[in-house]
């Protein structure tokens, strides 16, 4: 991924644990310091909501996928295990707001290709538009009279009702 980021020329913020940072290619931090920042931790939701964010490279954990969708940010999907593969397929094939690394394409060329797809092509423009629509839909659902709040209140009412009802 590091070589792809370097070759892409894209500006980036990369949250990478300290011990993983030791695996970066020699000179990577120096060669990208004018347009990139590698940190040990970043407030993901705040970062995703920033208007400068053009794409989110993610392992496709469900929380990360939802945070990016709510922020309206298209994704490059790099799942590792478990539900992450299904989540990545949902992002790319169902919602149309992302692209995945194809099997074996986690190379410099593959990383450049997926980043450029999202950031520089008509397909990427469509993804960004769909991500914006999903963001608006999520915001509407979270309003006091939105579907998420109504469903939550229904669940809460059910729970309260079953806790206060005498059990037989």
C-alpha atoms as a PDB file:
ATOM      1  CA  UNK A   1       0.000   0.000   0.000  1.00  0.00           C
ATOM      2  CA  UNK A   2       2.831   2.383   0.868  1.00  0.00           C
ATOM      3  CA  UNK A   3       4.423   2.063  -2.561  1.00  0.00           C
ATOM      4  CA  UNK A   4       1.042   2.622  -4.198  1.00  0.00           C
ATOM      5  CA  UNK A   5       0.395   5.730  -2.120  1.00  0.00           C
ATOM      6  CA  UNK A   6       3.809   7.069  -3.011  1.00  0.00           C
ATOM      7  CA  UNK A   7       3.379   6.339  -6.725  1.00  0.00           C
ATOM      8  CA  UNK A   8      -0.172   7.746  -6.850  1.00  0.00           C
ATOM      9  CA  UNK A   9       0.880  11.246  -5.859  1.00  0.00           C
ATOM     10  CA  UNK A  10      -2.279  11.524  -3.736  1.00  0.00           C
ATOM     11  CA  UNK A  11      -2.316  13.435  -0.469  1.00  0.00           C
ATOM     12  CA  UNK A  12      -3.045  11.138   2.460  1.00  0.00           C
ATOM     13  CA  UNK A  13      -3.477  10.623   6.180  1.00  0.00           C
ATOM     14  CA  UNK A  14      -2.576   7.090   7.222  1.00  0.00           C
ATOM     15  CA  UNK A  15      -3.373   5.740  10.662  1.00  0.00           C
ATOM     16  CA  UNK A  16      -0.761   3.046  11.190  1.00  0.00           C
ATOM     17  CA  UNK A  17       0.331   1.419  14.432  1.00  0.00           C
ATOM     18  CA  UNK A  18       3.909   2.091  15.493  1.00  0.00           C
ATOM     19  CA  UNK A  19       5.111  -1.487  15.031  1.00  0.00           C
ATOM     20  CA  UNK A  20       3.642  -1.580  11.506  1.00  0.00           C
ATOM     21  CA  UNK A  21       5.390   1.686  10.688  1.00  0.00           C
ATOM     22  CA  UNK A  22       8.700  -0.145  10.972  1.00  0.00           C
ATOM     23  CA  UNK A  23       7.679  -2.160   7.890  1.00  0.00           C
ATOM     24  CA  UNK A  24       7.298   0.881   5.637  1.00  0.00           C
ATOM     25  CA  UNK A  25       9.706   1.019   2.691  1.00  0.00           C
ATOM     26  CA  UNK A  26      12.949   2.831   3.398  1.00  0.00           C
ATOM     27  CA  UNK A  27      12.566   6.537   2.632  1.00  0.00           C
ATOM     28  CA  UNK A  28       8.755   6.441   2.355  1.00  0.00           C
ATOM     29  CA  UNK A  29       8.130   8.972   5.137  1.00  0.00           C
ATOM     30  CA  UNK A  30      10.718  11.408   3.779  1.00  0.00           C
ATOM     31  CA  UNK A  31       9.544  11.069   0.178  1.00  0.00           C
ATOM     32  CA  UNK A  32       5.888  11.690   1.048  1.00  0.00           C
ATOM     33  CA  UNK A  33       6.174  14.199   3.904  1.00  0.00           C
ATOM     34  CA  UNK A  34       4.992  17.131   1.738  1.00  0.00           C
ATOM     35  CA  UNK A  35       1.655  15.447   0.977  1.00  0.00           C
ATOM     36  CA  UNK A  36       1.217  12.703   3.539  1.00  0.00           C
ATOM     37  CA  UNK A  37       1.056  12.125   7.251  1.00  0.00           C
ATOM     38  CA  UNK A  38       1.414   8.793   9.042  1.00  0.00           C
ATOM     39  CA  UNK A  39       0.037   8.781  12.590  1.00  0.00           C
ATOM     40  CA  UNK A  40      -0.461   6.134  15.252  1.00  0.00           C
ATOM     41  CA  UNK A  41      -4.137   6.996  15.707  1.00  0.00           C
ATOM     42  CA  UNK A  42      -6.676   9.396  14.229  1.00  0.00           C
ATOM     43  CA  UNK A  43     -10.265  10.271  15.225  1.00  0.00           C
ATOM     44  CA  UNK A  44     -11.799   8.340  12.334  1.00  0.00           C
ATOM     45  CA  UNK A  45     -15.282   9.876  12.330  1.00  0.00           C
ATOM     46  CA  UNK A  46     -13.895  13.415  12.484  1.00  0.00           C
ATOM     47  CA  UNK A  47     -11.430  12.691   9.694  1.00  0.00           C
ATOM     48  CA  UNK A  48     -14.089  11.095   7.487  1.00  0.00           C
ATOM     49  CA  UNK A  49     -16.371  14.112   7.901  1.00  0.00           C
ATOM     50  CA  UNK A  50     -13.660  16.501   6.701  1.00  0.00           C
ATOM     51  CA  UNK A  51     -14.399  17.819   3.179  1.00  0.00           C
ATOM     52  CA  UNK A  52     -10.804  17.209   2.047  1.00  0.00           C
ATOM     53  CA  UNK A  53     -11.208  13.430   2.330  1.00  0.00           C
ATOM     54  CA  UNK A  54     -11.676  11.962  -1.136  1.00  0.00           C
ATOM     55  CA  UNK A  55     -11.451   8.245  -0.384  1.00  0.00           C
ATOM     56  CA  UNK A  56     -11.151   5.930   2.614  1.00  0.00           C
ATOM     57  CA  UNK A  57      -8.953   2.842   2.326  1.00  0.00           C
ATOM     58  CA  UNK A  58     -10.545   0.405   4.765  1.00  0.00           C
ATOM     59  CA  UNK A  59     -10.387  -3.177   5.991  1.00  0.00           C
ATOM     60  CA  UNK A  60     -14.221  -3.072   5.812  1.00  0.00           C
ATOM     61  CA  UNK A  61     -15.046  -3.688   9.434  1.00  0.00           C
ATOM     62  CA  UNK A  62     -18.750  -2.881   9.757  1.00  0.00           C
ATOM     63  CA  UNK A  63     -18.224   0.152  12.020  1.00  0.00           C
ATOM     64  CA  UNK A  64     -15.708   1.655   9.595  1.00  0.00           C
ATOM     65  CA  UNK A  65     -18.011   1.011   6.635  1.00  0.00           C
ATOM     66  CA  UNK A  66     -20.947   2.679   8.396  1.00  0.00           C
ATOM     67  CA  UNK A  67     -18.830   5.657   9.479  1.00  0.00           C
ATOM     68  CA  UNK A  68     -17.632   6.215   5.904  1.00  0.00           C
ATOM     69  CA  UNK A  69     -21.147   5.782   4.483  1.00  0.00           C
ATOM     70  CA  UNK A  70     -22.636   8.257   6.980  1.00  0.00           C
ATOM     71  CA  UNK A  71     -19.833  10.706   6.094  1.00  0.00           C
ATOM     72  CA  UNK A  72     -20.466  10.241   2.361  1.00  0.00           C
ATOM     73  CA  UNK A  73     -16.943   9.031   1.599  1.00  0.00           C
ATOM     74  CA  UNK A  74     -16.290   6.419  -1.114  1.00  0.00           C
ATOM     75  CA  UNK A  75     -14.093   3.499  -0.138  1.00  0.00           C
ATOM     76  CA  UNK A  76     -11.245   1.359  -1.361  1.00  0.00           C
ATOM     77  CA  UNK A  77     -11.956  -2.008   0.218  1.00  0.00           C
ATOM     78  CA  UNK A  78      -9.193  -4.251   1.541  1.00  0.00           C
ATOM     79  CA  UNK A  79     -10.937  -6.894   3.661  1.00  0.00           C
ATOM     80  CA  UNK A  80      -8.890  -9.433   5.598  1.00  0.00           C
ATOM     81  CA  UNK A  81     -11.260 -11.948   7.217  1.00  0.00           C
ATOM     82  CA  UNK A  82     -14.719 -12.701   8.579  1.00  0.00           C
ATOM     83  CA  UNK A  83     -17.553 -10.384   7.602  1.00  0.00           C
ATOM     84  CA  UNK A  84     -15.122  -7.897   6.063  1.00  0.00           C
ATOM     85  CA  UNK A  85     -15.271  -9.613   2.660  1.00  0.00           C
ATOM     86  CA  UNK A  86     -19.071  -9.463   2.557  1.00  0.00           C
ATOM     87  CA  UNK A  87     -18.987  -5.858   3.766  1.00  0.00           C
ATOM     88  CA  UNK A  88     -16.530  -4.967   0.994  1.00  0.00           C
ATOM     89  CA  UNK A  89     -18.730  -6.585  -1.643  1.00  0.00           C
ATOM     90  CA  UNK A  90     -21.727  -4.697  -0.259  1.00  0.00           C
ATOM     91  CA  UNK A  91     -19.847  -1.386  -0.489  1.00  0.00           C
ATOM     92  CA  UNK A  92     -18.694  -2.025  -4.059  1.00  0.00           C
ATOM     93  CA  UNK A  93     -21.371  -4.143  -5.747  1.00  0.00           C
ATOM     94  CA  UNK A  94     -24.564  -3.273  -3.860  1.00  0.00           C
ATOM     95  CA  UNK A  95     -24.145   0.340  -2.773  1.00  0.00           C
ATOM     96  CA  UNK A  96     -21.766   1.283  -5.595  1.00  0.00           C
ATOM     97  CA  UNK A  97     -19.669   3.551  -3.365  1.00  0.00           C
ATOM     98  CA  UNK A  98     -16.370   1.753  -3.481  1.00  0.00           C
ATOM     99  CA  UNK A  99     -13.955  -0.490  -5.262  1.00  0.00           C
ATOM    100  CA  UNK A 100     -12.074  -3.499  -3.979  1.00  0.00           C
ATOM    101  CA  UNK A 101      -8.580  -4.776  -4.448  1.00  0.00           C
ATOM    102  CA  UNK A 102      -8.961  -7.742  -6.757  1.00  0.00           C
ATOM    103  CA  UNK A 103      -7.337 -10.989  -5.665  1.00  0.00           C
ATOM    104  CA  UNK A 104      -3.585 -10.536  -5.872  1.00  0.00           C
ATOM    105  CA  UNK A 105      -3.784  -6.829  -6.749  1.00  0.00           C
ATOM    106  CA  UNK A 106      -2.368  -5.522  -3.478  1.00  0.00           C
ATOM    107  CA  UNK A 107       0.648  -4.260  -5.397  1.00  0.00           C
ATOM    108  CA  UNK A 108       1.967  -0.808  -6.185  1.00  0.00           C
ATOM    109  CA  UNK A 109       0.152  -0.844  -9.532  1.00  0.00           C
ATOM    110  CA  UNK A 110      -3.029  -2.227  -7.959  1.00  0.00           C
ATOM    111  CA  UNK A 111      -3.055   0.459  -5.267  1.00  0.00           C
ATOM    112  CA  UNK A 112      -2.503   3.222  -7.829  1.00  0.00           C
ATOM    113  CA  UNK A 113      -5.288   1.768  -9.994  1.00  0.00           C
ATOM    114  CA  UNK A 114      -7.923   1.660  -7.223  1.00  0.00           C
ATOM    115  CA  UNK A 115      -6.996   5.101  -5.879  1.00  0.00           C
ATOM    116  CA  UNK A 116      -7.147   6.635  -9.347  1.00  0.00           C
ATOM    117  CA  UNK A 117     -10.443   4.863 -10.053  1.00  0.00           C
ATOM    118  CA  UNK A 118     -12.083   6.570  -7.093  1.00  0.00           C
ATOM    119  CA  UNK A 119     -10.304   9.920  -7.303  1.00  0.00           C
ATOM    120  CA  UNK A 120      -9.901  10.575 -11.036  1.00  0.00           C
ATOM    121  CA  UNK A 121     -12.434   8.692 -13.180  1.00  0.00           C
ATOM    122  CA  UNK A 122     -16.083   8.995 -14.167  1.00  0.00           C
ATOM    123  CA  UNK A 123     -16.697   5.776 -12.248  1.00  0.00           C
ATOM    124  CA  UNK A 124     -15.239   7.485  -9.181  1.00  0.00           C
ATOM    125  CA  UNK A 125     -17.417  10.539  -9.779  1.00  0.00           C
ATOM    126  CA  UNK A 126     -20.454   8.238  -9.780  1.00  0.00           C
ATOM    127  CA  UNK A 127     -19.242   6.603  -6.546  1.00  0.00           C
ATOM    128  CA  UNK A 128     -18.860  10.006  -4.904  1.00  0.00           C
ATOM    129  CA  UNK A 129     -22.376  10.992  -5.986  1.00  0.00           C
ATOM    130  CA  UNK A 130     -23.841   7.746  -4.629  1.00  0.00           C
ATOM    131  CA  UNK A 131     -21.887   8.196  -1.396  1.00  0.00           C
ATOM    132  CA  UNK A 132     -23.396  11.681  -1.082  1.00  0.00           C
ATOM    133  CA  UNK A 133     -26.881  10.240  -1.573  1.00  0.00           C
ATOM    134  CA  UNK A 134     -26.220   7.611   1.092  1.00  0.00           C
ATOM    135  CA  UNK A 135     -24.982  10.336   3.448  1.00  0.00           C
ATOM    136  CA  UNK A 136     -28.217  12.304   2.937  1.00  0.00           C
ATOM    137  CA  UNK A 137     -30.314   9.180   3.437  1.00  0.00           C
ATOM    138  CA  UNK A 138     -28.478   8.332   6.666  1.00  0.00           C
ATOM    139  CA  UNK A 139     -28.888  11.896   7.970  1.00  0.00           C
ATOM    140  CA  UNK A 140     -32.618  11.729   7.258  1.00  0.00           C
ATOM    141  CA  UNK A 141     -32.924   8.358   9.029  1.00  0.00           C
ATOM    142  CA  UNK A 142     -31.219   9.771  12.137  1.00  0.00           C
ATOM    143  CA  UNK A 143     -33.570  12.754  12.484  1.00  0.00           C
ATOM    144  CA  UNK A 144     -35.986  12.635  15.469  1.00  0.00           C
ATOM    145  CA  UNK A 145     -38.770  11.443  13.144  1.00  0.00           C
ATOM    146  CA  UNK A 146     -36.472   9.327  10.951  1.00  0.00           C
ATOM    147  CA  UNK A 147     -36.628   5.581  10.474  1.00  0.00           C
ATOM    148  CA  UNK A 148     -33.637   4.831  12.734  1.00  0.00           C
ATOM    149  CA  UNK A 149     -35.107   6.765  15.647  1.00  0.00           C
ATOM    150  CA  UNK A 150     -38.581   5.306  15.110  1.00  0.00           C
ATOM    151  CA  UNK A 151     -37.191   1.770  14.998  1.00  0.00           C
ATOM    152  CA  UNK A 152     -35.040   2.386  18.066  1.00  0.00           C
ATOM    153  CA  UNK A 153     -38.015   3.777  19.985  1.00  0.00           C
ATOM    154  CA  UNK A 154     -40.096   0.749  18.961  1.00  0.00           C
ATOM    155  CA  UNK A 155     -37.369  -1.576  20.236  1.00  0.00           C
ATOM    156  CA  UNK A 156     -37.049   0.432  23.444  1.00  0.00           C
ATOM    157  CA  UNK A 157     -40.821   0.261  23.978  1.00  0.00           C
ATOM    158  CA  UNK A 158     -40.757  -3.490  23.443  1.00  0.00           C
ATOM    159  CA  UNK A 159     -37.915  -3.908  25.947  1.00  0.00           C
ATOM    160  CA  UNK A 160     -39.583  -1.719  28.577  1.00  0.00           C
ATOM    161  CA  UNK A 161     -42.902  -3.487  28.072  1.00  0.00           C
ATOM    162  CA  UNK A 162     -41.371  -6.936  28.497  1.00  0.00           C
ATOM    163  CA  UNK A 163     -39.378  -5.870  31.566  1.00  0.00           C
ATOM    164  CA  UNK A 164     -42.380  -4.330  33.318  1.00  0.00           C
ATOM    165  CA  UNK A 165     -44.849  -7.091  32.445  1.00  0.00           C
ATOM    166  CA  UNK A 166     -45.192  -9.862  35.032  1.00  0.00           C
ATOM    167  CA  UNK A 167     -43.649 -13.100  33.769  1.00  0.00           C
ATOM    168  CA  UNK A 168     -45.653 -16.308  33.933  1.00  0.00           C
END
